[in-house]
């Protein structure tokens, strides 16, 4: 994707952590409307908002006419049409790991509401991504806590591989590969970080990053936005505990968090797929081996990573 306007975002070269925009008195998210951010809606309302949903001033995709895929040379390209919004949280110094259970539950509900709205904007929304960057090593340019949501006119390659791989496994074996994986992790127990009645968090057997954590439903469901409302608190609980353990055990590292879910548009169901959350603490950078081969090198055994996080008191 080429989004040259994002170079105008409010940050400087980030070879030092203090270069991230941190000052509260000139923060563009303290008062989103007065800073020129176009509001979508406020939760619970504009007067007493705790979460503001606004248009991203430096979007990676833009609203427009959904054009066809075209060929240029040996490449296929698509117009970067879509919607790119921010979820801005009220308190400048109150990050996700500091949320209360009620605050995180509200956040899950706001995510689901906006997902459903974005999925129905225009006629070419293929995929909707919700993600959160924390800290300078994550790519965050503003310290004030905020998450993002964007729609894409294509199915992202990494998601496509997961969807197609799980579909092929289902055709060959008649089973949901995510159910098998989650059950195997729960039976072995060595990589479990935390679990509650409906969800489980673990460091996956094939962890790409040190201390990577994934959160799954114990009973696979393909679409995040269809999560029943009475599951919101359980998801908030395990997400909050996972984030707090990462913060305490690893000295508050930068991290990326995103929700992988089934595509919006499809000619078939995705009963063979399971939506999930991935949390990737940021410690290492790609080297020659990773860049040249696509093979991920992880210096931390996921069993040991899970043990540290599991045994960390919060």
C-alpha atoms as a PDB file:
ATOM      1  CA  UNK A   1       0.000   0.000   0.000  1.00  0.00           C
ATOM      2  CA  UNK A   2       1.141   3.520  -0.777  1.00  0.00           C
ATOM      3  CA  UNK A   3      -0.246   6.186   1.588  1.00  0.00           C
ATOM      4  CA  UNK A   4       2.109   9.150   1.258  1.00  0.00           C
ATOM      5  CA  UNK A   5      -0.029  11.482   3.394  1.00  0.00           C
ATOM      6  CA  UNK A   6       0.770   9.373   6.455  1.00  0.00           C
ATOM      7  CA  UNK A   7       4.267  10.890   6.341  1.00  0.00           C
ATOM      8  CA  UNK A   8       2.606  14.041   7.725  1.00  0.00           C
ATOM      9  CA  UNK A   9       1.647  12.336  10.986  1.00  0.00           C
ATOM     10  CA  UNK A  10       2.843  14.163  14.157  1.00  0.00           C
ATOM     11  CA  UNK A  11       6.080  12.399  14.949  1.00  0.00           C
ATOM     12  CA  UNK A  12       9.780  12.854  14.384  1.00  0.00           C
ATOM     13  CA  UNK A  13      12.461  10.287  13.623  1.00  0.00           C
ATOM     14  CA  UNK A  14      12.098   7.696  16.339  1.00  0.00           C
ATOM     15  CA  UNK A  15      15.605   6.513  17.043  1.00  0.00           C
ATOM     16  CA  UNK A  16      14.928   7.494  20.667  1.00  0.00           C
ATOM     17  CA  UNK A  17      11.854   6.518  22.632  1.00  0.00           C
ATOM     18  CA  UNK A  18      11.317  10.050  23.947  1.00  0.00           C
ATOM     19  CA  UNK A  19      10.704  11.270  20.396  1.00  0.00           C
ATOM     20  CA  UNK A  20       7.125   9.974  20.453  1.00  0.00           C
ATOM     21  CA  UNK A  21       4.625  12.808  20.859  1.00  0.00           C
ATOM     22  CA  UNK A  22       3.843  12.757  24.603  1.00  0.00           C
ATOM     23  CA  UNK A  23       2.946  16.271  25.809  1.00  0.00           C
ATOM     24  CA  UNK A  24      -0.609  16.504  27.105  1.00  0.00           C
ATOM     25  CA  UNK A  25      -0.981  20.256  26.589  1.00  0.00           C
ATOM     26  CA  UNK A  26      -0.517  20.002  22.808  1.00  0.00           C
ATOM     27  CA  UNK A  27      -2.052  16.552  22.327  1.00  0.00           C
ATOM     28  CA  UNK A  28      -4.472  16.473  19.352  1.00  0.00           C
ATOM     29  CA  UNK A  29      -6.618  13.858  21.086  1.00  0.00           C
ATOM     30  CA  UNK A  30      -7.377  15.767  24.304  1.00  0.00           C
ATOM     31  CA  UNK A  31     -10.247  17.555  22.584  1.00  0.00           C
ATOM     32  CA  UNK A  32     -10.733  15.734  19.267  1.00  0.00           C
ATOM     33  CA  UNK A  33     -13.203  18.189  17.733  1.00  0.00           C
ATOM     34  CA  UNK A  34     -11.246  21.362  18.504  1.00  0.00           C
ATOM     35  CA  UNK A  35      -8.135  19.718  17.040  1.00  0.00           C
ATOM     36  CA  UNK A  36      -9.874  19.307  13.715  1.00  0.00           C
ATOM     37  CA  UNK A  37     -10.666  15.615  14.037  1.00  0.00           C
ATOM     38  CA  UNK A  38     -13.924  14.804  12.284  1.00  0.00           C
ATOM     39  CA  UNK A  39     -16.161  13.011  14.803  1.00  0.00           C
ATOM     40  CA  UNK A  40     -18.215   9.959  13.906  1.00  0.00           C
ATOM     41  CA  UNK A  41     -19.839   9.435  17.294  1.00  0.00           C
ATOM     42  CA  UNK A  42     -19.026   9.513  20.998  1.00  0.00           C
ATOM     43  CA  UNK A  43     -19.564   6.870  23.649  1.00  0.00           C
ATOM     44  CA  UNK A  44     -21.729   7.111  25.659  1.00  0.00           C
ATOM     45  CA  UNK A  45     -22.409  10.671  24.377  1.00  0.00           C
ATOM     46  CA  UNK A  46     -20.531  13.799  23.335  1.00  0.00           C
ATOM     47  CA  UNK A  47     -20.906  15.579  26.676  1.00  0.00           C
ATOM     48  CA  UNK A  48     -19.534  12.781  28.870  1.00  0.00           C
ATOM     49  CA  UNK A  49     -17.567  10.747  26.332  1.00  0.00           C
ATOM     50  CA  UNK A  50     -15.146   8.039  27.352  1.00  0.00           C
ATOM     51  CA  UNK A  51     -14.443   6.840  23.812  1.00  0.00           C
ATOM     52  CA  UNK A  52     -14.526   9.105  20.746  1.00  0.00           C
ATOM     53  CA  UNK A  53     -14.757   7.566  17.293  1.00  0.00           C
ATOM     54  CA  UNK A  54     -13.219   9.979  14.769  1.00  0.00           C
ATOM     55  CA  UNK A  55     -11.954   9.933  11.195  1.00  0.00           C
ATOM     56  CA  UNK A  56      -8.210   9.410  10.852  1.00  0.00           C
ATOM     57  CA  UNK A  57      -6.677  12.675   9.589  1.00  0.00           C
ATOM     58  CA  UNK A  58      -3.854  10.681   7.951  1.00  0.00           C
ATOM     59  CA  UNK A  59      -5.683   7.648   6.554  1.00  0.00           C
ATOM     60  CA  UNK A  60      -4.078   4.653   4.881  1.00  0.00           C
ATOM     61  CA  UNK A  61      -7.255   4.220   2.813  1.00  0.00           C
ATOM     62  CA  UNK A  62      -9.825   6.769   1.675  1.00  0.00           C
ATOM     63  CA  UNK A  63     -13.525   6.703   0.786  1.00  0.00           C
ATOM     64  CA  UNK A  64     -14.220   6.525  -2.916  1.00  0.00           C
ATOM     65  CA  UNK A  65     -15.594   4.544  -5.787  1.00  0.00           C
ATOM     66  CA  UNK A  66     -14.748   0.871  -5.651  1.00  0.00           C
ATOM     67  CA  UNK A  67     -12.764   0.313  -8.820  1.00  0.00           C
ATOM     68  CA  UNK A  68     -11.908  -3.038 -10.398  1.00  0.00           C
ATOM     69  CA  UNK A  69      -8.592  -4.783  -9.966  1.00  0.00           C
ATOM     70  CA  UNK A  70      -6.294  -3.847 -12.830  1.00  0.00           C
ATOM     71  CA  UNK A  71      -2.971  -5.120 -14.148  1.00  0.00           C
ATOM     72  CA  UNK A  72       0.165  -2.990 -14.425  1.00  0.00           C
ATOM     73  CA  UNK A  73       3.098  -4.834 -15.902  1.00  0.00           C
ATOM     74  CA  UNK A  74       3.241  -8.131 -14.053  1.00  0.00           C
ATOM     75  CA  UNK A  75       1.444  -6.700 -11.022  1.00  0.00           C
ATOM     76  CA  UNK A  76      -2.211  -6.522 -10.035  1.00  0.00           C
ATOM     77  CA  UNK A  77      -3.261  -3.374  -8.213  1.00  0.00           C
ATOM     78  CA  UNK A  78      -6.376  -2.073  -6.533  1.00  0.00           C
ATOM     79  CA  UNK A  79      -7.443   1.427  -5.531  1.00  0.00           C
ATOM     80  CA  UNK A  80      -6.928   1.924  -1.778  1.00  0.00           C
ATOM     81  CA  UNK A  81     -10.612   2.540  -1.089  1.00  0.00           C
ATOM     82  CA  UNK A  82     -11.900   2.174   2.435  1.00  0.00           C
ATOM     83  CA  UNK A  83     -12.603   3.743   5.806  1.00  0.00           C
ATOM     84  CA  UNK A  84      -9.944   4.498   8.464  1.00  0.00           C
ATOM     85  CA  UNK A  85     -11.077   5.656  11.914  1.00  0.00           C
ATOM     86  CA  UNK A  86      -9.644   6.083  15.397  1.00  0.00           C
ATOM     87  CA  UNK A  87     -11.012   5.064  18.793  1.00  0.00           C
ATOM     88  CA  UNK A  88      -9.697   7.769  21.142  1.00  0.00           C
ATOM     89  CA  UNK A  89      -9.857   7.028  24.863  1.00  0.00           C
ATOM     90  CA  UNK A  90     -10.536   9.928  27.223  1.00  0.00           C
ATOM     91  CA  UNK A  91      -7.612   9.778  29.677  1.00  0.00           C
ATOM     92  CA  UNK A  92      -4.251  10.803  28.203  1.00  0.00           C
ATOM     93  CA  UNK A  93      -2.236   8.626  30.599  1.00  0.00           C
ATOM     94  CA  UNK A  94      -4.661   5.696  30.965  1.00  0.00           C
ATOM     95  CA  UNK A  95      -3.552   2.985  28.555  1.00  0.00           C
ATOM     96  CA  UNK A  96      -5.232  -0.335  27.767  1.00  0.00           C
ATOM     97  CA  UNK A  97      -3.356  -2.274  30.436  1.00  0.00           C
ATOM     98  CA  UNK A  98      -4.591   0.276  33.008  1.00  0.00           C
ATOM     99  CA  UNK A  99      -8.271  -0.111  32.121  1.00  0.00           C
ATOM    100  CA  UNK A 100     -10.813  -1.454  34.550  1.00  0.00           C
ATOM    101  CA  UNK A 101     -12.878  -4.487  33.612  1.00  0.00           C
ATOM    102  CA  UNK A 102     -15.882  -2.256  32.905  1.00  0.00           C
ATOM    103  CA  UNK A 103     -13.788   0.051  30.690  1.00  0.00           C
ATOM    104  CA  UNK A 104     -12.438  -2.864  28.676  1.00  0.00           C
ATOM    105  CA  UNK A 105     -15.932  -4.327  28.320  1.00  0.00           C
ATOM    106  CA  UNK A 106     -17.130  -0.967  26.967  1.00  0.00           C
ATOM    107  CA  UNK A 107     -14.220  -0.975  24.529  1.00  0.00           C
ATOM    108  CA  UNK A 108     -15.148  -4.419  23.185  1.00  0.00           C
ATOM    109  CA  UNK A 109     -18.726  -3.249  22.634  1.00  0.00           C
ATOM    110  CA  UNK A 110     -17.608  -0.077  20.859  1.00  0.00           C
ATOM    111  CA  UNK A 111     -15.323  -2.178  18.627  1.00  0.00           C
ATOM    112  CA  UNK A 112     -18.223  -4.439  17.633  1.00  0.00           C
ATOM    113  CA  UNK A 113     -20.572  -1.526  16.972  1.00  0.00           C
ATOM    114  CA  UNK A 114     -18.149   0.345  14.730  1.00  0.00           C
ATOM    115  CA  UNK A 115     -17.083  -2.846  12.957  1.00  0.00           C
ATOM    116  CA  UNK A 116     -20.663  -3.467  11.870  1.00  0.00           C
ATOM    117  CA  UNK A 117     -21.000   0.114  10.656  1.00  0.00           C
ATOM    118  CA  UNK A 118     -17.731   0.123   8.714  1.00  0.00           C
ATOM    119  CA  UNK A 119     -18.492  -3.259   7.140  1.00  0.00           C
ATOM    120  CA  UNK A 120     -21.584  -1.722   5.554  1.00  0.00           C
ATOM    121  CA  UNK A 121     -19.959   1.437   4.189  1.00  0.00           C
ATOM    122  CA  UNK A 122     -19.810   1.166   0.405  1.00  0.00           C
ATOM    123  CA  UNK A 123     -19.890  -1.942  -1.714  1.00  0.00           C
ATOM    124  CA  UNK A 124     -16.265  -3.044  -1.785  1.00  0.00           C
ATOM    125  CA  UNK A 125     -15.410  -3.731   1.857  1.00  0.00           C
ATOM    126  CA  UNK A 126     -13.647  -7.080   1.827  1.00  0.00           C
ATOM    127  CA  UNK A 127     -11.979  -7.021   5.225  1.00  0.00           C
ATOM    128  CA  UNK A 128     -12.159  -4.935   8.424  1.00  0.00           C
ATOM    129  CA  UNK A 129      -9.154  -4.724  10.737  1.00  0.00           C
ATOM    130  CA  UNK A 130      -9.126  -3.482  14.333  1.00  0.00           C
ATOM    131  CA  UNK A 131      -5.696  -2.870  15.843  1.00  0.00           C
ATOM    132  CA  UNK A 132      -3.876  -1.046  18.636  1.00  0.00           C
ATOM    133  CA  UNK A 133      -0.277   0.214  18.692  1.00  0.00           C
ATOM    134  CA  UNK A 134       1.374   0.988  22.016  1.00  0.00           C
ATOM    135  CA  UNK A 135       4.800   2.558  22.435  1.00  0.00           C
ATOM    136  CA  UNK A 136       7.384   3.942  20.011  1.00  0.00           C
ATOM    137  CA  UNK A 137       8.609   0.544  18.830  1.00  0.00           C
ATOM    138  CA  UNK A 138       5.073  -0.355  17.713  1.00  0.00           C
ATOM    139  CA  UNK A 139       4.772   2.445  15.169  1.00  0.00           C
ATOM    140  CA  UNK A 140       2.577   4.609  17.416  1.00  0.00           C
ATOM    141  CA  UNK A 141       3.062   8.327  16.709  1.00  0.00           C
ATOM    142  CA  UNK A 142       0.915   9.768  19.517  1.00  0.00           C
ATOM    143  CA  UNK A 143       1.127   8.600  23.124  1.00  0.00           C
ATOM    144  CA  UNK A 144      -2.512   9.337  23.935  1.00  0.00           C
ATOM    145  CA  UNK A 145      -4.205   5.913  23.986  1.00  0.00           C
ATOM    146  CA  UNK A 146      -6.131   5.120  20.830  1.00  0.00           C
ATOM    147  CA  UNK A 147      -7.010   2.140  18.678  1.00  0.00           C
ATOM    148  CA  UNK A 148      -7.756   2.037  14.966  1.00  0.00           C
ATOM    149  CA  UNK A 149     -10.193   0.417  12.559  1.00  0.00           C
ATOM    150  CA  UNK A 150      -9.873   0.277   8.792  1.00  0.00           C
ATOM    151  CA  UNK A 151     -11.638  -1.456   5.936  1.00  0.00           C
ATOM    152  CA  UNK A 152      -9.829  -2.860   2.918  1.00  0.00           C
ATOM    153  CA  UNK A 153     -11.030  -3.699  -0.599  1.00  0.00           C
ATOM    154  CA  UNK A 154      -8.857  -6.837  -0.605  1.00  0.00           C
ATOM    155  CA  UNK A 155      -8.288  -9.799   1.675  1.00  0.00           C
ATOM    156  CA  UNK A 156      -4.840  -9.188   3.257  1.00  0.00           C
ATOM    157  CA  UNK A 157      -2.251 -11.851   2.293  1.00  0.00           C
ATOM    158  CA  UNK A 158      -1.617 -13.060   5.856  1.00  0.00           C
ATOM    159  CA  UNK A 159      -5.340 -13.390   6.547  1.00  0.00           C
ATOM    160  CA  UNK A 160      -5.859 -15.062   3.175  1.00  0.00           C
ATOM    161  CA  UNK A 161      -3.250 -17.697   4.010  1.00  0.00           C
ATOM    162  CA  UNK A 162      -4.978 -18.398   7.349  1.00  0.00           C
ATOM    163  CA  UNK A 163      -8.435 -18.576   5.769  1.00  0.00           C
ATOM    164  CA  UNK A 164      -7.333 -20.812   2.891  1.00  0.00           C
ATOM    165  CA  UNK A 165      -5.172 -22.992   5.104  1.00  0.00           C
ATOM    166  CA  UNK A 166      -7.962 -23.619   7.594  1.00  0.00           C
ATOM    167  CA  UNK A 167     -10.397 -24.262   4.737  1.00  0.00           C
ATOM    168  CA  UNK A 168      -8.088 -26.825   3.140  1.00  0.00           C
ATOM    169  CA  UNK A 169      -7.543 -28.519   6.499  1.00  0.00           C
ATOM    170  CA  UNK A 170     -11.305 -28.709   7.015  1.00  0.00           C
ATOM    171  CA  UNK A 171     -11.842 -30.231   3.563  1.00  0.00           C
ATOM    172  CA  UNK A 172      -9.156 -32.856   4.150  1.00  0.00           C
ATOM    173  CA  UNK A 173      -9.934 -33.695   7.773  1.00  0.00           C
ATOM    174  CA  UNK A 174     -13.503 -32.549   8.425  1.00  0.00           C
ATOM    175  CA  UNK A 175     -12.336 -30.654  11.523  1.00  0.00           C
ATOM    176  CA  UNK A 176     -11.686 -27.061  12.530  1.00  0.00           C
ATOM    177  CA  UNK A 177      -7.919 -26.685  12.871  1.00  0.00           C
ATOM    178  CA  UNK A 178      -8.338 -23.924  15.470  1.00  0.00           C
ATOM    179  CA  UNK A 179     -10.464 -26.156  17.688  1.00  0.00           C
ATOM    180  CA  UNK A 180      -7.739 -28.803  17.506  1.00  0.00           C
ATOM    181  CA  UNK A 181      -5.004 -26.267  18.248  1.00  0.00           C
ATOM    182  CA  UNK A 182      -6.816 -24.711  21.210  1.00  0.00           C
ATOM    183  CA  UNK A 183      -7.717 -28.110  22.664  1.00  0.00           C
ATOM    184  CA  UNK A 184      -4.109 -29.281  22.273  1.00  0.00           C
ATOM    185  CA  UNK A 185      -2.778 -26.167  24.018  1.00  0.00           C
ATOM    186  CA  UNK A 186      -5.262 -26.599  26.865  1.00  0.00           C
ATOM    187  CA  UNK A 187      -4.435 -30.282  27.269  1.00  0.00           C
ATOM    188  CA  UNK A 188      -0.678 -29.679  27.360  1.00  0.00           C
ATOM    189  CA  UNK A 189      -1.080 -26.611  29.578  1.00  0.00           C
ATOM    190  CA  UNK A 190       2.557 -25.552  29.330  1.00  0.00           C
ATOM    191  CA  UNK A 191       1.895 -22.488  27.168  1.00  0.00           C
ATOM    192  CA  UNK A 192      -1.329 -21.287  28.833  1.00  0.00           C
ATOM    193  CA  UNK A 193      -1.118 -17.747  30.204  1.00  0.00           C
ATOM    194  CA  UNK A 194      -4.681 -17.492  31.527  1.00  0.00           C
ATOM    195  CA  UNK A 195      -8.141 -18.858  30.883  1.00  0.00           C
ATOM    196  CA  UNK A 196     -11.697 -18.251  31.978  1.00  0.00           C
ATOM    197  CA  UNK A 197     -15.001 -19.921  31.226  1.00  0.00           C
ATOM    198  CA  UNK A 198     -15.191 -18.887  27.563  1.00  0.00           C
ATOM    199  CA  UNK A 199     -11.666 -17.829  26.495  1.00  0.00           C
ATOM    200  CA  UNK A 200      -8.062 -18.961  26.709  1.00  0.00           C
ATOM    201  CA  UNK A 201      -4.819 -16.997  26.265  1.00  0.00           C
ATOM    202  CA  UNK A 202      -1.566 -18.771  25.427  1.00  0.00           C
ATOM    203  CA  UNK A 203       1.863 -18.329  23.883  1.00  0.00           C
ATOM    204  CA  UNK A 204       1.471 -20.335  20.671  1.00  0.00           C
ATOM    205  CA  UNK A 205       3.732 -23.318  19.951  1.00  0.00           C
ATOM    206  CA  UNK A 206       4.903 -21.497  16.819  1.00  0.00           C
ATOM    207  CA  UNK A 207       5.415 -18.013  18.292  1.00  0.00           C
ATOM    208  CA  UNK A 208       6.818 -15.524  15.786  1.00  0.00           C
ATOM    209  CA  UNK A 209       7.687 -12.969  18.470  1.00  0.00           C
ATOM    210  CA  UNK A 210       9.102 -13.285  21.992  1.00  0.00           C
ATOM    211  CA  UNK A 211       6.202 -13.439  24.464  1.00  0.00           C
ATOM    212  CA  UNK A 212       3.566 -13.450  21.737  1.00  0.00           C
ATOM    213  CA  UNK A 213       0.101 -14.087  23.182  1.00  0.00           C
ATOM    214  CA  UNK A 214      -3.031 -15.201  21.329  1.00  0.00           C
ATOM    215  CA  UNK A 215      -6.558 -15.195  22.712  1.00  0.00           C
ATOM    216  CA  UNK A 216      -9.169 -17.634  21.382  1.00  0.00           C
ATOM    217  CA  UNK A 217     -12.716 -18.552  22.192  1.00  0.00           C
ATOM    218  CA  UNK A 218     -12.889 -22.076  23.582  1.00  0.00           C
ATOM    219  CA  UNK A 219     -15.619 -22.753  21.042  1.00  0.00           C
ATOM    220  CA  UNK A 220     -14.607 -21.454  17.603  1.00  0.00           C
ATOM    221  CA  UNK A 221     -16.615 -18.668  16.011  1.00  0.00           C
ATOM    222  CA  UNK A 222     -15.535 -17.040  12.722  1.00  0.00           C
ATOM    223  CA  UNK A 223     -16.765 -13.456  13.096  1.00  0.00           C
ATOM    224  CA  UNK A 224     -15.649 -11.178  15.940  1.00  0.00           C
ATOM    225  CA  UNK A 225     -18.524  -8.740  15.371  1.00  0.00           C
ATOM    226  CA  UNK A 226     -21.019 -11.535  16.024  1.00  0.00           C
ATOM    227  CA  UNK A 227     -19.660 -12.217  19.506  1.00  0.00           C
ATOM    228  CA  UNK A 228     -22.729 -12.448  21.792  1.00  0.00           C
ATOM    229  CA  UNK A 229     -23.001  -9.501  24.164  1.00  0.00           C
ATOM    230  CA  UNK A 230     -22.895 -11.771  27.205  1.00  0.00           C
ATOM    231  CA  UNK A 231     -19.377 -12.856  26.106  1.00  0.00           C
ATOM    232  CA  UNK A 232     -18.012  -9.283  26.121  1.00  0.00           C
ATOM    233  CA  UNK A 233     -17.060  -9.272  29.790  1.00  0.00           C
ATOM    234  CA  UNK A 234     -15.257 -12.612  29.514  1.00  0.00           C
ATOM    235  CA  UNK A 235     -13.219 -11.334  26.560  1.00  0.00           C
ATOM    236  CA  UNK A 236     -12.482  -8.092  28.385  1.00  0.00           C
ATOM    237  CA  UNK A 237     -11.326 -10.073  31.419  1.00  0.00           C
ATOM    238  CA  UNK A 238      -8.807 -12.250  29.602  1.00  0.00           C
ATOM    239  CA  UNK A 239      -7.557  -9.423  27.378  1.00  0.00           C
ATOM    240  CA  UNK A 240      -7.029  -7.158  30.366  1.00  0.00           C
ATOM    241  CA  UNK A 241      -5.221  -9.840  32.385  1.00  0.00           C
ATOM    242  CA  UNK A 242      -2.963 -10.666  29.413  1.00  0.00           C
ATOM    243  CA  UNK A 243      -2.042  -7.004  28.918  1.00  0.00           C
ATOM    244  CA  UNK A 244      -1.398  -6.435  32.614  1.00  0.00           C
ATOM    245  CA  UNK A 245       0.861  -9.498  32.815  1.00  0.00           C
ATOM    246  CA  UNK A 246       2.834  -8.343  29.765  1.00  0.00           C
ATOM    247  CA  UNK A 247       3.193  -4.860  31.277  1.00  0.00           C
ATOM    248  CA  UNK A 248       4.409  -6.112  34.662  1.00  0.00           C
ATOM    249  CA  UNK A 249       6.557  -9.052  33.557  1.00  0.00           C
ATOM    250  CA  UNK A 250       8.256  -7.317  30.629  1.00  0.00           C
ATOM    251  CA  UNK A 251       8.600  -3.762  31.984  1.00  0.00           C
ATOM    252  CA  UNK A 252       5.829  -2.161  29.934  1.00  0.00           C
ATOM    253  CA  UNK A 253       7.073  -2.940  26.421  1.00  0.00           C
ATOM    254  CA  UNK A 254       5.781  -1.563  23.150  1.00  0.00           C
ATOM    255  CA  UNK A 255       3.292  -3.925  21.550  1.00  0.00           C
ATOM    256  CA  UNK A 256       0.931  -4.384  18.631  1.00  0.00           C
ATOM    257  CA  UNK A 257      -2.511  -5.869  19.170  1.00  0.00           C
ATOM    258  CA  UNK A 258      -4.938  -6.829  16.425  1.00  0.00           C
ATOM    259  CA  UNK A 259      -8.090  -8.822  15.849  1.00  0.00           C
ATOM    260  CA  UNK A 260      -8.027 -11.405  13.076  1.00  0.00           C
ATOM    261  CA  UNK A 261     -11.536 -12.224  11.946  1.00  0.00           C
ATOM    262  CA  UNK A 262     -13.279 -13.756   8.934  1.00  0.00           C
ATOM    263  CA  UNK A 263     -13.808 -11.625   5.795  1.00  0.00           C
ATOM    264  CA  UNK A 264     -16.853  -9.416   5.386  1.00  0.00           C
ATOM    265  CA  UNK A 265     -17.847 -10.513   1.887  1.00  0.00           C
ATOM    266  CA  UNK A 266     -17.849 -14.158   0.952  1.00  0.00           C
ATOM    267  CA  UNK A 267     -19.696 -16.685  -1.140  1.00  0.00           C
ATOM    268  CA  UNK A 268     -19.484 -19.292   1.621  1.00  0.00           C
ATOM    269  CA  UNK A 269     -19.479 -19.595   5.385  1.00  0.00           C
ATOM    270  CA  UNK A 270     -16.319 -19.688   7.494  1.00  0.00           C
ATOM    271  CA  UNK A 271     -17.249 -22.326  10.035  1.00  0.00           C
ATOM    272  CA  UNK A 272     -13.717 -23.742   9.678  1.00  0.00           C
ATOM    273  CA  UNK A 273     -12.155 -20.476  10.909  1.00  0.00           C
ATOM    274  CA  UNK A 274     -11.894 -18.878  14.372  1.00  0.00           C
ATOM    275  CA  UNK A 275     -11.460 -15.176  15.048  1.00  0.00           C
ATOM    276  CA  UNK A 276      -8.771 -14.397  17.597  1.00  0.00           C
ATOM    277  CA  UNK A 277      -6.671 -11.632  19.130  1.00  0.00           C
ATOM    278  CA  UNK A 278      -2.894 -11.477  18.764  1.00  0.00           C
ATOM    279  CA  UNK A 279      -0.653  -9.439  21.075  1.00  0.00           C
ATOM    280  CA  UNK A 280       2.933  -8.990  19.886  1.00  0.00           C
ATOM    281  CA  UNK A 281       5.392  -7.339  22.318  1.00  0.00           C
ATOM    282  CA  UNK A 282       8.110  -5.560  20.345  1.00  0.00           C
ATOM    283  CA  UNK A 283      11.665  -6.446  21.321  1.00  0.00           C
ATOM    284  CA  UNK A 284      13.498  -7.625  18.229  1.00  0.00           C
ATOM    285  CA  UNK A 285      13.916  -6.329  14.693  1.00  0.00           C
ATOM    286  CA  UNK A 286      14.142  -8.304  11.490  1.00  0.00           C
ATOM    287  CA  UNK A 287      17.656  -9.346  10.464  1.00  0.00           C
ATOM    288  CA  UNK A 288      19.123 -10.779   7.304  1.00  0.00           C
ATOM    289  CA  UNK A 289      17.826 -14.311   7.878  1.00  0.00           C
ATOM    290  CA  UNK A 290      14.232 -13.193   8.431  1.00  0.00           C
ATOM    291  CA  UNK A 291      14.262 -10.761   5.523  1.00  0.00           C
ATOM    292  CA  UNK A 292      15.936 -13.185   3.128  1.00  0.00           C
ATOM    293  CA  UNK A 293      14.023 -16.344   4.000  1.00  0.00           C
ATOM    294  CA  UNK A 294      10.732 -15.397   5.658  1.00  0.00           C
ATOM    295  CA  UNK A 295      11.709 -17.702   8.532  1.00  0.00           C
ATOM    296  CA  UNK A 296      10.994 -16.138  11.922  1.00  0.00           C
ATOM    297  CA  UNK A 297      13.663 -16.397  14.616  1.00  0.00           C
ATOM    298  CA  UNK A 298      12.412 -16.313  18.207  1.00  0.00           C
ATOM    299  CA  UNK A 299      14.989 -16.164  20.997  1.00  0.00           C
ATOM    300  CA  UNK A 300      12.433 -17.088  23.686  1.00  0.00           C
ATOM    301  CA  UNK A 301      10.969 -20.583  24.123  1.00  0.00           C
ATOM    302  CA  UNK A 302       7.153 -20.100  24.184  1.00  0.00           C
ATOM    303  CA  UNK A 303       6.909 -22.559  27.105  1.00  0.00           C
ATOM    304  CA  UNK A 304       9.218 -20.330  29.151  1.00  0.00           C
ATOM    305  CA  UNK A 305       7.461 -17.184  27.957  1.00  0.00           C
ATOM    306  CA  UNK A 306       4.085 -18.526  29.057  1.00  0.00           C
ATOM    307  CA  UNK A 307       5.491 -19.654  32.411  1.00  0.00           C
ATOM    308  CA  UNK A 308       6.815 -16.168  33.142  1.00  0.00           C
ATOM    309  CA  UNK A 309       3.547 -14.473  32.173  1.00  0.00           C
ATOM    310  CA  UNK A 310       1.369 -17.071  33.933  1.00  0.00           C
ATOM    311  CA  UNK A 311       3.290 -16.743  37.195  1.00  0.00           C
ATOM    312  CA  UNK A 312       3.424 -12.931  37.124  1.00  0.00           C
ATOM    313  CA  UNK A 313       1.219 -11.383  39.795  1.00  0.00           C
ATOM    314  CA  UNK A 314      -0.820  -8.354  38.762  1.00  0.00           C
END
